[in-house]
Amino acid sequence: MPVKKLAEQEKAVKPKPGRGGARPNTGPKPLEPKIRRSVGLSARQWVIFDEAGGNDWLRLALDSMQTRVQKALDDV
């Protein structure tokens, strides 16, 4: 019987290595879900897109367009 108690003690005292690692899908969630789309651009257009700010620039441009369209609809 003492052998069994020794095995239980070792099991309870044995620490887990590390902190467990990062978990996937943690962190703040986006305000609205994003849908992935692809667009075909020439090499010249990709350079212009990247210089303009890439995805962040495109999102801002679309949001400002939405604001302008909404304002025009409200004025009618």
C-alpha atoms as a PDB file:
ATOM      1  CA  MET A   1       0.000   0.000   0.000  1.00  0.00           C
ATOM      2  CA  PRO A   2       2.768   2.571   0.659  1.00  0.00           C
ATOM      3  CA  VAL A   3       3.753   2.353  -3.024  1.00  0.00           C
ATOM      4  CA  LYS A   4       0.324   3.567  -4.105  1.00  0.00           C
ATOM      5  CA  LYS A   5       0.441   6.593  -1.770  1.00  0.00           C
ATOM      6  CA  LEU A   6       3.886   7.543  -3.099  1.00  0.00           C
ATOM      7  CA  ALA A   7       2.627   7.500  -6.696  1.00  0.00           C
ATOM      8  CA  GLU A   8      -0.344   9.722  -5.782  1.00  0.00           C
ATOM      9  CA  GLN A   9       1.949  12.224  -4.028  1.00  0.00           C
ATOM     10  CA  GLU A  10       4.273  12.435  -7.037  1.00  0.00           C
ATOM     11  CA  LYS A  11       1.329  13.037  -9.307  1.00  0.00           C
ATOM     12  CA  ALA A  12      -0.066  15.849  -7.138  1.00  0.00           C
ATOM     13  CA  VAL A  13       3.301  17.608  -6.701  1.00  0.00           C
ATOM     14  CA  LYS A  14       4.518  17.371 -10.296  1.00  0.00           C
ATOM     15  CA  PRO A  15       4.194  20.877 -11.849  1.00  0.00           C
ATOM     16  CA  LYS A  16       3.200  21.422 -15.456  1.00  0.00           C
ATOM     17  CA  PRO A  17       5.998  22.732 -17.678  1.00  0.00           C
ATOM     18  CA  GLY A  18       5.690  26.324 -18.917  1.00  0.00           C
ATOM     19  CA  ARG A  19       2.656  28.527 -18.663  1.00  0.00           C
ATOM     20  CA  GLY A  20       0.482  26.553 -21.016  1.00  0.00           C
ATOM     21  CA  GLY A  21       1.024  28.560 -24.186  1.00  0.00           C
ATOM     22  CA  ALA A  22      -1.127  31.038 -26.039  1.00  0.00           C
ATOM     23  CA  ARG A  23      -4.700  30.113 -26.863  1.00  0.00           C
ATOM     24  CA  PRO A  24      -6.068  30.637 -30.365  1.00  0.00           C
ATOM     25  CA  ASN A  25      -8.815  33.205 -31.017  1.00  0.00           C
ATOM     26  CA  THR A  26      -8.128  35.244 -27.887  1.00  0.00           C
ATOM     27  CA  GLY A  27      -8.120  39.002 -27.698  1.00  0.00           C
ATOM     28  CA  PRO A  28     -10.660  41.640 -28.611  1.00  0.00           C
ATOM     29  CA  LYS A  29     -13.205  40.744 -31.233  1.00  0.00           C
ATOM     30  CA  PRO A  30     -13.835  43.058 -34.218  1.00  0.00           C
ATOM     31  CA  LEU A  31     -16.841  45.393 -34.026  1.00  0.00           C
ATOM     32  CA  GLU A  32     -18.270  43.892 -37.187  1.00  0.00           C
ATOM     33  CA  PRO A  33     -17.243  40.600 -38.815  1.00  0.00           C
ATOM     34  CA  LYS A  34     -15.039  40.781 -41.885  1.00  0.00           C
ATOM     35  CA  ILE A  35     -15.689  38.821 -45.052  1.00  0.00           C
ATOM     36  CA  ARG A  36     -12.613  37.827 -47.042  1.00  0.00           C
ATOM     37  CA  ARG A  37     -12.573  38.842 -50.705  1.00  0.00           C
ATOM     38  CA  SER A  38      -9.834  38.865 -53.280  1.00  0.00           C
ATOM     39  CA  VAL A  39      -9.081  41.534 -55.841  1.00  0.00           C
ATOM     40  CA  GLY A  40      -6.853  41.403 -58.864  1.00  0.00           C
ATOM     41  CA  LEU A  41      -4.405  44.279 -59.227  1.00  0.00           C
ATOM     42  CA  SER A  42      -1.415  44.803 -61.465  1.00  0.00           C
ATOM     43  CA  ALA A  43       2.048  45.124 -59.928  1.00  0.00           C
ATOM     44  CA  ARG A  44       1.838  48.919 -60.356  1.00  0.00           C
ATOM     45  CA  GLN A  45      -1.563  49.026 -58.674  1.00  0.00           C
ATOM     46  CA  TRP A  46      -0.322  46.896 -55.750  1.00  0.00           C
ATOM     47  CA  VAL A  47       2.498  49.392 -55.145  1.00  0.00           C
ATOM     48  CA  ILE A  48      -0.001  52.272 -55.149  1.00  0.00           C
ATOM     49  CA  PHE A  49      -2.338  50.322 -52.843  1.00  0.00           C
ATOM     50  CA  ASP A  50       0.479  49.589 -50.386  1.00  0.00           C
ATOM     51  CA  GLU A  51       1.744  53.180 -50.457  1.00  0.00           C
ATOM     52  CA  ALA A  52      -1.776  54.487 -49.804  1.00  0.00           C
ATOM     53  CA  GLY A  53      -2.022  52.384 -46.648  1.00  0.00           C
ATOM     54  CA  GLY A  54      -3.231  48.993 -47.798  1.00  0.00           C
ATOM     55  CA  ASN A  55      -6.253  47.457 -46.080  1.00  0.00           C
ATOM     56  CA  ASP A  56      -6.520  50.226 -43.474  1.00  0.00           C
ATOM     57  CA  TRP A  57      -6.699  52.856 -46.215  1.00  0.00           C
ATOM     58  CA  LEU A  58      -9.331  50.877 -48.118  1.00  0.00           C
ATOM     59  CA  ARG A  59     -11.517  50.480 -45.017  1.00  0.00           C
ATOM     60  CA  LEU A  60     -11.297  54.223 -44.277  1.00  0.00           C
ATOM     61  CA  ALA A  61     -12.122  55.068 -47.896  1.00  0.00           C
ATOM     62  CA  LEU A  62     -15.171  52.793 -47.864  1.00  0.00           C
ATOM     63  CA  ASP A  63     -16.363  54.166 -44.522  1.00  0.00           C
ATOM     64  CA  SER A  64     -16.054  57.772 -45.738  1.00  0.00           C
ATOM     65  CA  MET A  65     -17.922  56.835 -48.918  1.00  0.00           C
ATOM     66  CA  GLN A  66     -20.676  55.305 -46.798  1.00  0.00           C
ATOM     67  CA  THR A  67     -20.891  58.537 -44.773  1.00  0.00           C
ATOM     68  CA  ARG A  68     -21.193  60.634 -47.942  1.00  0.00           C
ATOM     69  CA  VAL A  69     -23.837  58.347 -49.460  1.00  0.00           C
ATOM     70  CA  GLN A  70     -25.823  58.306 -46.205  1.00  0.00           C
ATOM     71  CA  LYS A  71     -25.668  62.114 -45.984  1.00  0.00           C
ATOM     72  CA  ALA A  72     -26.919  62.432 -49.579  1.00  0.00           C
ATOM     73  CA  LEU A  73     -29.788  60.044 -48.821  1.00  0.00           C
ATOM     74  CA  ASP A  74     -30.689  62.003 -45.680  1.00  0.00           C
ATOM     75  CA  ASP A  75     -30.794  65.276 -47.659  1.00  0.00           C
ATOM     76  CA  VAL A  76     -33.295  63.888 -50.189  1.00  0.00           C
END
